[in-house]
Amino acid sequence: RELLKRSMTDQDRFSTWMISCMTQLMEASRSTYQAFDETFRGSFPAVFERCARQRITEASTFIAQQQPDP
């Protein structure tokens, strides 16, 4: 466990802390949630869907062609 703590970067520590805080807030408010393997849906799915649609419409559809190996 100590090796894991020493190998974590500041970004890792911040991400872990943020997830922990968000989990505590969601549990305290009795919100529901699912893993990100499907579509995240909390207690307010309409709000999330609206944000998701907005991001998708602004996403770039450009796909770079693969370059052949020399």
PDB file of N, CA and C in Angstrom:
ATOM      1  N   ARG A   1       0.826  -1.197   0.000  1.00  0.00           N
ATOM      2  CA  ARG A   1       0.000   0.000   0.000  1.00  0.00           C
ATOM      3  C   ARG A   1       0.869   1.260   0.000  1.00  0.00           C
ATOM      4  N   GLU A   2       1.955   1.237   0.726  1.00  0.00           N
ATOM      5  CA  GLU A   2       2.861   2.392   0.747  1.00  0.00           C
ATOM      6  C   GLU A   2       3.481   2.627  -0.626  1.00  0.00           C
ATOM      7  N   LEU A   3       3.826   1.550  -1.317  1.00  0.00           N
ATOM      8  CA  LEU A   3       4.388   1.678  -2.665  1.00  0.00           C
ATOM      9  C   LEU A   3       3.381   2.356  -3.587  1.00  0.00           C
ATOM     10  N   LEU A   4       2.129   1.981  -3.461  1.00  0.00           N
ATOM     11  CA  LEU A   4       1.082   2.597  -4.275  1.00  0.00           C
ATOM     12  C   LEU A   4       0.974   4.087  -3.978  1.00  0.00           C
ATOM     13  N   LYS A   5       0.997   4.454  -2.707  1.00  0.00           N
ATOM     14  CA  LYS A   5       0.917   5.873  -2.337  1.00  0.00           C
ATOM     15  C   LYS A   5       2.096   6.656  -2.896  1.00  0.00           C
ATOM     16  N   ARG A   6       3.290   6.070  -2.844  1.00  0.00           N
ATOM     17  CA  ARG A   6       4.472   6.775  -3.337  1.00  0.00           C
ATOM     18  C   ARG A   6       4.461   6.917  -4.849  1.00  0.00           C
ATOM     19  N   SER A   7       3.848   5.966  -5.555  1.00  0.00           N
ATOM     20  CA  SER A   7       3.867   6.003  -7.018  1.00  0.00           C
ATOM     21  C   SER A   7       2.760   6.880  -7.602  1.00  0.00           C
ATOM     22  N   MET A   8       1.820   7.306  -6.790  1.00  0.00           N
ATOM     23  CA  MET A   8       0.730   8.151  -7.285  1.00  0.00           C
ATOM     24  C   MET A   8       1.218   9.570  -7.553  1.00  0.00           C
ATOM     25  N   THR A   9       0.755  10.133  -8.644  1.00  0.00           N
ATOM     26  CA  THR A   9       1.080  11.522  -8.962  1.00  0.00           C
ATOM     27  C   THR A   9       0.064  12.437  -8.285  1.00  0.00           C
ATOM     28  N   ASP A  10       0.323  13.732  -8.336  1.00  0.00           N
ATOM     29  CA  ASP A  10      -0.637  14.691  -7.788  1.00  0.00           C
ATOM     30  C   ASP A  10      -1.979  14.584  -8.507  1.00  0.00           C
ATOM     31  N   GLN A  11      -1.936  14.351  -9.820  1.00  0.00           N
ATOM     32  CA  GLN A  11      -3.178  14.208 -10.590  1.00  0.00           C
ATOM     33  C   GLN A  11      -3.957  12.985 -10.114  1.00  0.00           C
ATOM     34  N   ASP A  12      -3.257  11.889  -9.867  1.00  0.00           N
ATOM     35  CA  ASP A  12      -3.919  10.684  -9.365  1.00  0.00           C
ATOM     36  C   ASP A  12      -4.572  10.946  -8.015  1.00  0.00           C
ATOM     37  N   ARG A  13      -3.840  11.615  -7.137  1.00  0.00           N
ATOM     38  CA  ARG A  13      -4.370  11.900  -5.803  1.00  0.00           C
ATOM     39  C   ARG A  13      -5.593  12.817  -5.884  1.00  0.00           C
ATOM     40  N   PHE A  14      -5.523  13.822  -6.751  1.00  0.00           N
ATOM     41  CA  PHE A  14      -6.655  14.738  -6.904  1.00  0.00           C
ATOM     42  C   PHE A  14      -7.869  13.998  -7.459  1.00  0.00           C
ATOM     43  N   SER A  15      -7.661  13.166  -8.476  1.00  0.00           N
ATOM     44  CA  SER A  15      -8.768  12.418  -9.076  1.00  0.00           C
ATOM     45  C   SER A  15      -9.415  11.494  -8.051  1.00  0.00           C
ATOM     46  N   THR A  16      -8.592  10.804  -7.279  1.00  0.00           N
ATOM     47  CA  THR A  16      -9.104   9.902  -6.251  1.00  0.00           C
ATOM     48  C   THR A  16      -9.904  10.674  -5.208  1.00  0.00           C
ATOM     49  N   TRP A  17      -9.380  11.817  -4.785  1.00  0.00           N
ATOM     50  CA  TRP A  17     -10.072  12.654  -3.801  1.00  0.00           C
ATOM     51  C   TRP A  17     -11.403  13.153  -4.356  1.00  0.00           C
ATOM     52  N   MET A  18     -11.397  13.618  -5.608  1.00  0.00           N
ATOM     53  CA  MET A  18     -12.613  14.158  -6.222  1.00  0.00           C
ATOM     54  C   MET A  18     -13.683  13.070  -6.342  1.00  0.00           C
ATOM     55  N   ILE A  19     -13.300  11.891  -6.777  1.00  0.00           N
ATOM     56  CA  ILE A  19     -14.263  10.792  -6.908  1.00  0.00           C
ATOM     57  C   ILE A  19     -14.828  10.419  -5.547  1.00  0.00           C
ATOM     58  N   SER A  20     -13.969  10.398  -4.548  1.00  0.00           N
ATOM     59  CA  SER A  20     -14.416  10.085  -3.190  1.00  0.00           C
ATOM     60  C   SER A  20     -15.433  11.114  -2.700  1.00  0.00           C
ATOM     61  N   CYS A  21     -15.149  12.388  -2.918  1.00  0.00           N
ATOM     62  CA  CYS A  21     -16.079  13.452  -2.502  1.00  0.00           C
ATOM     63  C   CYS A  21     -17.403  13.357  -3.249  1.00  0.00           C
ATOM     64  N   MET A  22     -17.343  13.118  -4.552  1.00  0.00           N
ATOM     65  CA  MET A  22     -18.568  13.025  -5.344  1.00  0.00           C
ATOM     66  C   MET A  22     -19.404  11.825  -4.908  1.00  0.00           C
ATOM     67  N   THR A  23     -18.733  10.716  -4.609  1.00  0.00           N
ATOM     68  CA  THR A  23     -19.438   9.526  -4.142  1.00  0.00           C
ATOM     69  C   THR A  23     -20.139   9.803  -2.820  1.00  0.00           C
ATOM     70  N   GLN A  24     -19.449  10.463  -1.904  1.00  0.00           N
ATOM     71  CA  GLN A  24     -20.053  10.796  -0.613  1.00  0.00           C
ATOM     72  C   GLN A  24     -21.259  11.718  -0.792  1.00  0.00           C
ATOM     73  N   LEU A  25     -21.150  12.703  -1.673  1.00  0.00           N
ATOM     74  CA  LEU A  25     -22.274  13.614  -1.918  1.00  0.00           C
ATOM     75  C   LEU A  25     -23.472  12.885  -2.513  1.00  0.00           C
ATOM     76  N   MET A  26     -23.207  12.001  -3.472  1.00  0.00           N
ATOM     77  CA  MET A  26     -24.298  11.263  -4.102  1.00  0.00           C
ATOM     78  C   MET A  26     -24.968  10.325  -3.105  1.00  0.00           C
ATOM     79  N   GLU A  27     -24.160   9.673  -2.266  1.00  0.00           N
ATOM     80  CA  GLU A  27     -24.738   8.784  -1.262  1.00  0.00           C
ATOM     81  C   GLU A  27     -25.537   9.575  -0.225  1.00  0.00           C
ATOM     82  N   ALA A  28     -25.039  10.733   0.180  1.00  0.00           N
ATOM     83  CA  ALA A  28     -25.736  11.559   1.172  1.00  0.00           C
ATOM     84  C   ALA A  28     -27.072  12.071   0.633  1.00  0.00           C
ATOM     85  N   SER A  29     -27.123  12.362  -0.678  1.00  0.00           N
ATOM     86  CA  SER A  29     -28.367  12.857  -1.269  1.00  0.00           C
ATOM     87  C   SER A  29     -29.232  11.720  -1.806  1.00  0.00           C
ATOM     88  N   ARG A  30     -28.758  10.489  -1.617  1.00  0.00           N
ATOM     89  CA  ARG A  30     -29.460   9.283  -2.082  1.00  0.00           C
ATOM     90  C   ARG A  30     -29.686   9.294  -3.584  1.00  0.00           C
ATOM     91  N   SER A  31     -28.739   9.859  -4.311  1.00  0.00           N
ATOM     92  CA  SER A  31     -28.797   9.848  -5.770  1.00  0.00           C
ATOM     93  C   SER A  31     -28.415   8.461  -6.267  1.00  0.00           C
ATOM     94  N   THR A  32     -28.887   8.132  -7.453  1.00  0.00           N
ATOM     95  CA  THR A  32     -28.528   6.849  -8.050  1.00  0.00           C
ATOM     96  C   THR A  32     -27.576   7.094  -9.207  1.00  0.00           C
ATOM     97  N   TYR A  33     -26.780   6.099  -9.511  1.00  0.00           N
ATOM     98  CA  TYR A  33     -25.838   6.225 -10.616  1.00  0.00           C
ATOM     99  C   TYR A  33     -25.457   4.848 -11.123  1.00  0.00           C
ATOM    100  N   GLN A  34     -24.915   4.806 -12.349  1.00  0.00           N
ATOM    101  CA  GLN A  34     -24.436   3.569 -12.954  1.00  0.00           C
ATOM    102  C   GLN A  34     -23.016   3.797 -13.419  1.00  0.00           C
ATOM    103  N   ALA A  35     -22.338   2.706 -13.728  1.00  0.00           N
ATOM    104  CA  ALA A  35     -20.972   2.793 -14.240  1.00  0.00           C
ATOM    105  C   ALA A  35     -20.982   3.426 -15.627  1.00  0.00           C
ATOM    106  N   PHE A  36     -19.821   3.876 -16.080  1.00  0.00           N
ATOM    107  CA  PHE A  36     -19.712   4.550 -17.371  1.00  0.00           C
ATOM    108  C   PHE A  36     -19.625   3.589 -18.551  1.00  0.00           C
ATOM    109  N   ASP A  37     -19.761   2.276 -18.320  1.00  0.00           N
ATOM    110  CA  ASP A  37     -19.677   1.354 -19.449  1.00  0.00           C
ATOM    111  C   ASP A  37     -20.889   1.497 -20.363  1.00  0.00           C
ATOM    112  N   GLU A  38     -21.974   1.976 -19.859  1.00  0.00           N
ATOM    113  CA  GLU A  38     -23.150   2.277 -20.667  1.00  0.00           C
ATOM    114  C   GLU A  38     -23.255   3.798 -20.734  1.00  0.00           C
ATOM    115  N   THR A  39     -24.381   4.330 -20.421  1.00  0.00           N
ATOM    116  CA  THR A  39     -24.571   5.778 -20.345  1.00  0.00           C
ATOM    117  C   THR A  39     -24.793   6.126 -18.891  1.00  0.00           C
ATOM    118  N   PHE A  40     -24.040   7.102 -18.396  1.00  0.00           N
ATOM    119  CA  PHE A  40     -24.210   7.524 -17.001  1.00  0.00           C
ATOM    120  C   PHE A  40     -25.591   8.116 -16.823  1.00  0.00           C
ATOM    121  N   ARG A  41     -26.293   7.642 -15.827  1.00  0.00           N
ATOM    122  CA  ARG A  41     -27.619   8.174 -15.543  1.00  0.00           C
ATOM    123  C   ARG A  41     -27.759   8.331 -14.040  1.00  0.00           C
ATOM    124  N   GLY A  42     -27.835   9.557 -13.604  1.00  0.00           N
ATOM    125  CA  GLY A  42     -28.048   9.829 -12.193  1.00  0.00           C
ATOM    126  C   GLY A  42     -29.529   9.996 -11.911  1.00  0.00           C
ATOM    127  N   SER A  43     -29.841  10.686 -10.864  1.00  0.00           N
ATOM    128  CA  SER A  43     -31.237  10.916 -10.512  1.00  0.00           C
ATOM    129  C   SER A  43     -31.894  11.925 -11.451  1.00  0.00           C
ATOM    130  N   PHE A  44     -31.091  12.653 -12.220  1.00  0.00           N
ATOM    131  CA  PHE A  44     -31.604  13.674 -13.127  1.00  0.00           C
ATOM    132  C   PHE A  44     -31.133  13.375 -14.552  1.00  0.00           C
ATOM    133  N   PRO A  45     -31.611  12.281 -15.173  1.00  0.00           N
ATOM    134  CA  PRO A  45     -31.104  11.887 -16.490  1.00  0.00           C
ATOM    135  C   PRO A  45     -31.375  12.907 -17.585  1.00  0.00           C
ATOM    136  N   ALA A  46     -32.465  13.660 -17.499  1.00  0.00           N
ATOM    137  CA  ALA A  46     -32.783  14.633 -18.549  1.00  0.00           C
ATOM    138  C   ALA A  46     -31.713  15.709 -18.635  1.00  0.00           C
ATOM    139  N   VAL A  47     -31.199  16.137 -17.503  1.00  0.00           N
ATOM    140  CA  VAL A  47     -30.148  17.152 -17.488  1.00  0.00           C
ATOM    141  C   VAL A  47     -28.898  16.602 -18.146  1.00  0.00           C
ATOM    142  N   PHE A  48     -28.532  15.366 -17.815  1.00  0.00           N
ATOM    143  CA  PHE A  48     -27.342  14.770 -18.400  1.00  0.00           C
ATOM    144  C   PHE A  48     -27.520  14.560 -19.899  1.00  0.00           C
ATOM    145  N   GLU A  49     -28.681  14.075 -20.321  1.00  0.00           N
ATOM    146  CA  GLU A  49     -28.913  13.843 -21.743  1.00  0.00           C
ATOM    147  C   GLU A  49     -28.802  15.141 -22.528  1.00  0.00           C
ATOM    148  N   ARG A  50     -29.306  16.219 -21.988  1.00  0.00           N
ATOM    149  CA  ARG A  50     -29.220  17.501 -22.676  1.00  0.00           C
ATOM    150  C   ARG A  50     -27.754  17.889 -22.860  1.00  0.00           C
ATOM    151  N   CYS A  51     -26.946  17.715 -21.833  1.00  0.00           N
ATOM    152  CA  CYS A  51     -25.522  18.037 -21.941  1.00  0.00           C
ATOM    153  C   CYS A  51     -24.830  17.110 -22.930  1.00  0.00           C
ATOM    154  N   ALA A  52     -25.178  15.834 -22.909  1.00  0.00           N
ATOM    155  CA  ALA A  52     -24.534  14.873 -23.797  1.00  0.00           C
ATOM    156  C   ALA A  52     -24.844  15.205 -25.254  1.00  0.00           C
ATOM    157  N   ARG A  53     -26.087  15.536 -25.552  1.00  0.00           N
ATOM    158  CA  ARG A  53     -26.436  15.887 -26.922  1.00  0.00           C
ATOM    159  C   ARG A  53     -25.679  17.118 -27.385  1.00  0.00           C
ATOM    160  N   GLN A  54     -25.560  18.092 -26.517  1.00  0.00           N
ATOM    161  CA  GLN A  54     -24.866  19.322 -26.879  1.00  0.00           C
ATOM    162  C   GLN A  54     -23.405  19.028 -27.201  1.00  0.00           C
ATOM    163  N   ARG A  55     -22.750  18.192 -26.439  1.00  0.00           N
ATOM    164  CA  ARG A  55     -21.351  17.873 -26.679  1.00  0.00           C
ATOM    165  C   ARG A  55     -21.191  17.073 -27.972  1.00  0.00           C
ATOM    166  N   ILE A  56     -22.124  16.177 -28.253  1.00  0.00           N
ATOM    167  CA  ILE A  56     -22.021  15.352 -29.453  1.00  0.00           C
ATOM    168  C   ILE A  56     -22.147  16.222 -30.701  1.00  0.00           C
ATOM    169  N   THR A  57     -23.057  17.183 -30.707  1.00  0.00           N
ATOM    170  CA  THR A  57     -23.241  18.007 -31.897  1.00  0.00           C
ATOM    171  C   THR A  57     -22.038  18.897 -32.158  1.00  0.00           C
ATOM    172  N   GLU A  58     -21.277  19.214 -31.110  1.00  0.00           N
ATOM    173  CA  GLU A  58     -20.101  20.054 -31.285  1.00  0.00           C
ATOM    174  C   GLU A  58     -18.833  19.239 -31.530  1.00  0.00           C
ATOM    175  N   ALA A  59     -18.948  17.921 -31.477  1.00  0.00           N
ATOM    176  CA  ALA A  59     -17.773  17.065 -31.625  1.00  0.00           C
ATOM    177  C   ALA A  59     -17.285  17.082 -33.071  1.00  0.00           C
ATOM    178  N   SER A  60     -16.007  16.937 -33.229  1.00  0.00           N
ATOM    179  CA  SER A  60     -15.421  16.873 -34.560  1.00  0.00           C
ATOM    180  C   SER A  60     -15.674  15.495 -35.153  1.00  0.00           C
ATOM    181  N   THR A  61     -16.055  15.450 -36.432  1.00  0.00           N
ATOM    182  CA  THR A  61     -16.280  14.167 -37.088  1.00  0.00           C
ATOM    183  C   THR A  61     -15.118  13.809 -38.000  1.00  0.00           C
ATOM    184  N   PHE A  62     -14.047  14.594 -37.979  1.00  0.00           N
ATOM    185  CA  PHE A  62     -12.888  14.346 -38.822  1.00  0.00           C
ATOM    186  C   PHE A  62     -12.151  13.106 -38.341  1.00  0.00           C
ATOM    187  N   ILE A  63     -11.870  12.194 -39.260  1.00  0.00           N
ATOM    188  CA  ILE A  63     -11.100  10.994 -38.931  1.00  0.00           C
ATOM    189  C   ILE A  63      -9.864  10.993 -39.820  1.00  0.00           C
ATOM    190  N   ALA A  64      -8.710  11.030 -39.206  1.00  0.00           N
ATOM    191  CA  ALA A  64      -7.458  11.041 -39.970  1.00  0.00           C
ATOM    192  C   ALA A  64      -7.215   9.662 -40.569  1.00  0.00           C
ATOM    193  N   GLN A  65      -6.750   9.651 -41.813  1.00  0.00           N
ATOM    194  CA  GLN A  65      -6.420   8.383 -42.449  1.00  0.00           C
ATOM    195  C   GLN A  65      -5.110   7.867 -41.890  1.00  0.00           C
ATOM    196  N   GLN A  66      -5.029   6.548 -41.774  1.00  0.00           N
ATOM    197  CA  GLN A  66      -3.797   5.953 -41.283  1.00  0.00           C
ATOM    198  C   GLN A  66      -2.712   6.063 -42.341  1.00  0.00           C
ATOM    199  N   GLN A  67      -1.514   6.356 -41.897  1.00  0.00           N
ATOM    200  CA  GLN A  67      -0.367   6.413 -42.791  1.00  0.00           C
ATOM    201  C   GLN A  67       0.279   5.028 -42.840  1.00  0.00           C
ATOM    202  N   PRO A  68       0.643   4.556 -44.027  1.00  0.00           N
ATOM    203  CA  PRO A  68       1.286   3.235 -44.102  1.00  0.00           C
ATOM    204  C   PRO A  68       2.664   3.276 -43.447  1.00  0.00           C
ATOM    205  N   ASP A  69       3.044   2.154 -42.845  1.00  0.00           N
ATOM    206  CA  ASP A  69       4.381   2.051 -42.261  1.00  0.00           C
ATOM    207  C   ASP A  69       5.420   2.049 -43.376  1.00  0.00           C
ATOM    208  N   PRO A  70       6.541   2.766 -43.188  1.00  0.00           N
ATOM    209  CA  PRO A  70       7.570   2.804 -44.245  1.00  0.00           C
ATOM    210  C   PRO A  70       8.292   1.483 -44.406  1.00  0.00           C
TER     211      PRO A  70
END
